[in-house]
Protein backbone atom coordinates (compact mmCIF):
# COMPACT_ATOMS: atom_id res chain seq x y z
CA MET A 1 64.21 209.96 92.82
CA ALA A 2 67.06 208.56 94.40
CA ARG A 3 69.36 206.52 92.10
CA PRO A 4 69.74 203.15 93.40
CA LYS A 5 73.10 202.66 94.63
CA ARG A 6 75.65 200.17 93.03
CA HIS A 7 77.38 197.35 94.76
CA GLY A 8 80.25 198.78 96.34
CA GLY A 9 82.33 195.68 96.76
CA HIS A 10 81.68 194.27 93.21
CA ALA A 11 84.72 195.64 91.45
CA GLU A 12 87.21 195.26 94.46
CA GLU A 13 85.77 191.33 94.37
CA PHE A 14 86.26 191.24 90.66
CA HIS A 15 89.78 191.88 91.10
CA GLN A 16 90.70 189.92 94.40
CA ASP A 17 89.26 186.73 92.21
CA GLU A 18 91.61 187.48 89.52
CA ARG A 19 94.51 187.92 91.86
CA TRP A 20 95.70 184.25 90.76
CA LEU A 21 96.85 185.69 87.59
CA ILE A 22 99.41 187.79 88.99
CA THR A 23 101.06 184.39 90.35
CA TYR A 24 100.45 182.80 87.14
CA ALA A 25 101.84 185.33 85.26
CA ASP A 26 105.05 185.16 87.52
CA MET A 27 105.13 181.47 87.10
CA ILE A 28 105.12 181.39 83.36
CA THR A 29 107.81 184.36 83.25
CA LEU A 30 110.17 182.15 85.62
CA LEU A 31 109.71 179.36 83.29
CA LEU A 32 110.33 181.11 80.20
CA ALA A 33 113.51 182.18 81.68
CA VAL A 34 114.59 178.69 82.69
CA PHE A 35 113.68 177.36 79.04
CA ILE A 36 115.83 180.20 77.56
CA VAL A 37 118.94 179.22 79.95
CA MET A 38 118.24 175.39 78.89
CA TYR A 39 118.49 176.66 75.30
CA ALA A 40 121.47 178.39 75.61
CA LEU A 41 123.38 175.30 77.28
CA SER A 42 122.08 172.89 74.82
CA ASP A 43 124.65 174.07 72.73
CA THR A 44 127.67 171.38 72.94
CA ASN A 45 130.32 173.60 73.02
CA VAL A 46 132.22 172.03 76.25
CA ARG A 47 134.84 174.86 76.16
CA LYS A 48 132.06 177.70 76.39
CA PHE A 49 131.00 175.41 79.42
CA THR A 50 134.42 175.15 80.71
CA ALA A 51 134.60 178.90 80.62
CA PHE A 52 131.58 179.38 82.61
CA ALA A 53 132.34 176.75 85.49
CA GLU A 54 135.92 178.51 85.70
CA SER A 55 134.04 181.96 86.21
CA VAL A 56 131.23 180.54 88.94
CA SER A 57 134.15 178.64 90.56
CA ALA A 58 135.92 181.60 90.92
CA ALA A 59 133.40 184.28 91.78
CA PHE A 60 132.31 181.40 94.68
CA ASN A 61 135.79 181.76 95.85
CA THR A 62 135.80 177.74 95.68
CA ASP A 63 136.43 174.78 93.47
CA ILE A 64 132.51 173.75 93.27
CA PHE A 65 133.33 171.23 90.57
CA ARG A 66 135.58 169.07 92.82
CA GLY A 67 134.92 169.93 96.46
CA SER A 68 138.85 170.73 97.32
CA LYS A 69 139.95 173.29 99.19
CA ALA A 70 138.90 176.62 99.06
CA ILE A 71 140.95 179.26 96.50
CA THR A 72 141.35 182.80 96.46
CA VAL A 73 139.97 185.15 93.98
CA THR A 74 143.27 187.11 94.08
CA ALA A 75 145.56 184.05 93.33
CA GLY A 76 145.36 184.98 89.68
CA GLN A 77 145.18 182.32 87.24
CA ASP A 78 145.55 179.50 89.87
CA THR A 79 141.85 180.33 90.92
CA ALA A 80 140.30 178.41 88.03
CA PRO A 81 140.03 174.73 88.55
CA GLY A 82 142.04 172.41 86.56
CA THR A 83 140.71 171.08 83.48
CA ASP A 84 140.47 167.85 84.68
CA SER A 85 137.84 168.69 87.16
CA PHE A 86 135.46 168.23 84.57
CA ASP A 87 137.31 166.57 81.76
CA ALA A 88 136.21 162.98 82.38
CA GLY A 89 135.87 161.63 79.34
CA SER A 90 133.62 164.55 77.87
CA GLY A 91 135.58 167.55 78.76
CA VAL A 92 137.50 170.24 76.83
CA ILE A 93 140.67 168.12 76.14
CA ALA A 94 138.47 165.35 75.44
CA SER A 95 136.24 166.78 73.02
CA ASP A 96 139.27 168.53 71.24
CA GLN A 97 140.90 165.52 71.11
CA ARG A 98 138.51 163.90 69.29
CA ALA A 99 137.90 166.68 66.67
CA VAL A 100 141.45 166.67 66.03
CA GLU A 101 141.83 163.03 65.79
CA ALA A 102 138.87 162.88 63.30
CA SER A 103 140.23 165.47 61.10
CA ILE A 104 144.11 164.08 61.16
CA LYS A 105 143.21 160.29 61.20
CA ASP A 106 140.83 160.58 58.07
CA PHE A 107 143.38 162.47 56.22
CA ALA A 108 145.92 159.74 56.98
CA VAL A 109 143.74 156.94 56.01
CA GLN A 110 143.15 158.41 52.95
CA GLN A 111 146.65 159.30 52.23
CA GLY A 112 147.93 155.62 53.29
CA ILE A 113 149.74 156.94 55.93
CA ALA A 114 147.77 156.17 59.22
CA GLU A 115 150.82 154.21 60.47
CA GLN A 116 153.05 157.40 60.69
CA VAL A 117 150.57 159.69 62.16
CA SER A 118 148.62 159.50 65.52
CA VAL A 119 146.87 161.92 68.09
CA GLU A 120 147.27 161.02 71.90
CA ARG A 121 146.76 162.18 75.13
CA VAL A 122 150.01 163.44 77.21
CA PRO A 123 149.83 165.22 80.70
CA GLU A 124 150.43 168.72 79.07
CA GLY A 125 147.18 167.69 76.55
CA ILE A 126 147.16 166.42 73.37
CA ALA A 127 149.84 165.35 70.95
CA ILE A 128 150.15 164.99 67.66
CA ARG A 129 152.88 162.74 66.38
CA ILE A 130 154.50 162.62 62.98
CA GLY A 131 156.88 160.06 61.76
CA ASP A 132 160.02 161.69 60.56
CA VAL A 133 160.28 159.97 57.01
CA LEU A 134 156.94 161.96 55.92
CA LEU A 135 159.11 165.27 56.95
CA PHE A 136 162.54 164.99 56.42
CA ALA A 137 165.50 163.03 54.58
CA SER A 138 167.52 161.11 56.75
CA GLY A 139 169.93 163.36 58.65
CA ARG A 140 168.20 166.39 57.47
CA ALA A 141 166.16 169.30 59.08
CA ARG A 142 164.71 170.69 55.38
CA LEU A 143 161.27 169.78 54.93
CA ASP A 144 160.32 167.45 52.01
CA PRO A 145 158.29 168.61 49.58
CA ARG A 146 155.81 165.89 50.36
CA SER A 147 155.25 167.27 54.21
CA ALA A 148 153.07 170.14 52.97
CA ALA A 149 150.03 168.45 52.98
CA VAL A 150 150.46 166.72 56.20
CA LEU A 151 151.32 169.75 58.28
CA HIS A 152 148.58 171.74 56.23
CA GLN A 153 145.92 169.43 57.72
CA VAL A 154 147.35 169.68 61.15
CA VAL A 155 147.22 173.47 60.83
CA ALA A 156 143.79 173.18 59.65
CA ALA A 157 142.91 170.83 62.63
CA VAL A 158 144.60 173.49 65.50
CA ARG A 159 143.66 176.38 63.65
CA PRO A 160 140.01 176.73 65.68
CA LEU A 161 141.67 175.80 69.16
CA PRO A 162 142.90 179.12 71.19
CA ASN A 163 145.60 177.05 72.71
CA ARG A 164 149.37 177.66 72.70
CA LEU A 165 151.40 175.07 70.29
CA ARG A 166 154.60 173.18 70.88
CA VAL A 167 156.67 171.25 68.51
CA GLU A 168 159.07 169.30 69.28
CA GLY A 169 161.83 167.46 68.05
CA HIS A 170 162.85 163.86 68.31
CA THR A 171 165.65 161.39 67.32
CA ASP A 172 166.82 158.10 68.22
CA ASP A 173 169.76 157.14 69.80
CA THR A 174 172.02 157.19 66.36
CA PRO A 175 174.35 159.97 65.57
CA PRO A 176 173.06 162.14 62.80
CA ALA A 177 174.22 161.01 59.22
CA GLY A 178 176.07 163.31 56.76
CA PRO A 179 177.69 166.63 57.24
CA PHE A 180 174.76 168.82 58.29
CA TYR A 181 174.49 168.04 62.01
CA SER A 182 177.22 167.08 64.61
CA ASP A 183 174.58 166.19 67.09
CA ASN A 184 170.99 164.97 67.75
CA TRP A 185 170.49 168.32 69.72
CA SER A 186 171.21 170.54 66.85
CA LEU A 187 168.83 167.94 64.21
CA SER A 188 166.12 167.82 66.55
CA THR A 189 165.96 171.60 66.97
CA GLY A 190 166.22 172.31 63.57
CA ARG A 191 163.57 169.81 62.36
CA ALA A 192 161.01 171.33 65.44
CA LEU A 193 162.06 174.90 64.18
CA ALA A 194 161.28 173.99 60.49
CA VAL A 195 157.98 172.51 60.98
CA LEU A 196 157.52 175.62 63.60
CA ALA A 197 158.34 178.15 60.20
CA ALA A 198 155.75 175.96 58.41
CA MET A 199 153.06 175.97 60.69
CA ALA A 200 153.41 179.97 60.91
CA GLY A 201 153.67 180.43 57.22
CA ASP A 202 150.30 178.43 56.93
CA GLY A 203 148.74 180.93 59.08
CA ILE A 204 149.18 179.57 62.78
CA ASP A 205 150.01 182.88 64.98
CA PRO A 206 153.63 183.08 65.79
CA ALA A 207 152.59 183.99 69.09
CA ARG A 208 151.01 180.50 69.85
CA LEU A 209 153.95 178.72 68.96
CA SER A 210 157.27 177.29 70.61
CA ALA A 211 159.94 174.86 69.76
CA ALA A 212 161.76 172.43 71.56
CA GLY A 213 164.43 169.94 70.55
CA TYR A 214 164.69 166.64 72.73
CA ALA A 215 167.53 164.56 70.84
CA GLU A 216 167.15 161.11 71.56
CA PHE A 217 166.19 161.50 75.46
CA GLU A 218 162.36 161.13 75.29
CA PRO A 219 162.09 157.85 73.25
CA LEU A 220 158.43 156.54 72.97
CA VAL A 221 160.03 152.93 73.10
CA PRO A 222 163.40 151.79 73.94
CA ASN A 223 166.05 151.97 70.85
CA LEU A 224 166.25 148.18 70.39
CA ASP A 225 166.52 147.67 66.72
CA ASP A 226 165.30 149.40 63.47
CA ALA A 227 161.56 149.35 63.99
CA SER A 228 162.15 151.13 67.65
CA ARG A 229 164.31 153.58 66.39
CA ALA A 230 161.87 154.45 63.68
CA ARG A 231 159.04 155.31 65.75
CA ASN A 232 161.27 157.08 68.18
CA ARG A 233 162.27 159.48 65.38
CA ARG A 234 159.34 162.11 65.17
CA VAL A 235 157.94 165.70 65.33
CA ASP A 236 155.50 165.99 68.34
CA ILE A 237 153.18 168.87 67.91
CA LEU A 238 151.59 169.44 71.13
CA ILE A 239 148.61 171.40 72.21
CA LEU A 240 148.86 172.68 75.37
CA TYR A 241 146.18 173.04 78.45
CA PRO A 242 146.90 175.16 81.19
CA GLY A 243 147.52 172.91 83.99
CA GLY A 244 147.61 169.53 81.60
CA GLU A 245 145.86 166.68 83.61
CA SER A 246 147.68 167.39 86.74
CA GLY A 247 145.78 170.16 87.47
CA GLN A 248 148.81 172.68 88.40
CA PRO A 249 149.92 175.36 86.61
CA PHE A 250 152.70 174.69 83.87
CA SER A 251 154.88 176.54 81.74
CA SER A 252 155.13 175.61 77.99
CA ALA A 253 158.93 176.43 78.01
CA GLU A 254 160.50 173.72 79.77
CA PRO A 255 162.08 171.55 77.44
CA SER A 256 164.29 168.60 78.79
CA PRO A 257 168.08 170.23 79.74
CA GLY A 258 169.69 171.21 76.36
CA GLY A 259 166.15 171.78 74.65
CA THR A 260 165.62 175.02 72.87
CA GLN A 261 162.87 177.14 73.34
């Protein structure tokens, strides 16, 4: 007896009905990839995002974050967009400033020295300004013992950052008192070097550090009275960012004439 023939198209017809599973599986895979990328980007580490942004801009040979003129991959460091390209209040410099300021300001308030310490935005990046009364005796460049706690807090705030640091000494327009320094150039430079040495001794890589003395020639305010002169006598610790706010490359070795680097 002849065996009944099976429906020849049954298997093929079954697979055709199930082909939507292939498209569905592809869609699920793509959604999974999207969610993985979104999860990776959910980390609010702005520094990582900045590095990613610079890499993408260089790879596509254009400043995609500002729509400015095209740049070449072979232009070296200039290929990356300036930090101001994506630093409008929530970028790398702003994020770092908030973290540094929170750390140092909390300490300053607890110690009752908030009037003598500030964290400010400057063209090169971020400046930590410390009044000289917290660090030195009048006319001297040897650190007082009481300066150790302040500088240790500064070191703790800047240590996690990869940036170069420049220590700047500033005086008022009054010649130094005492026999130790003949002019404000040597006094301001000596103070900058003393702070630099203290930071290096507290664990900051010396390769990140530089020093400059500016004497009385970069005052914050005009030297009109004792209060304004006291404000101008300071040590600034600058956290340097490539291009600063201008988006143009700059050298960290550019003190004013007579400065020491």
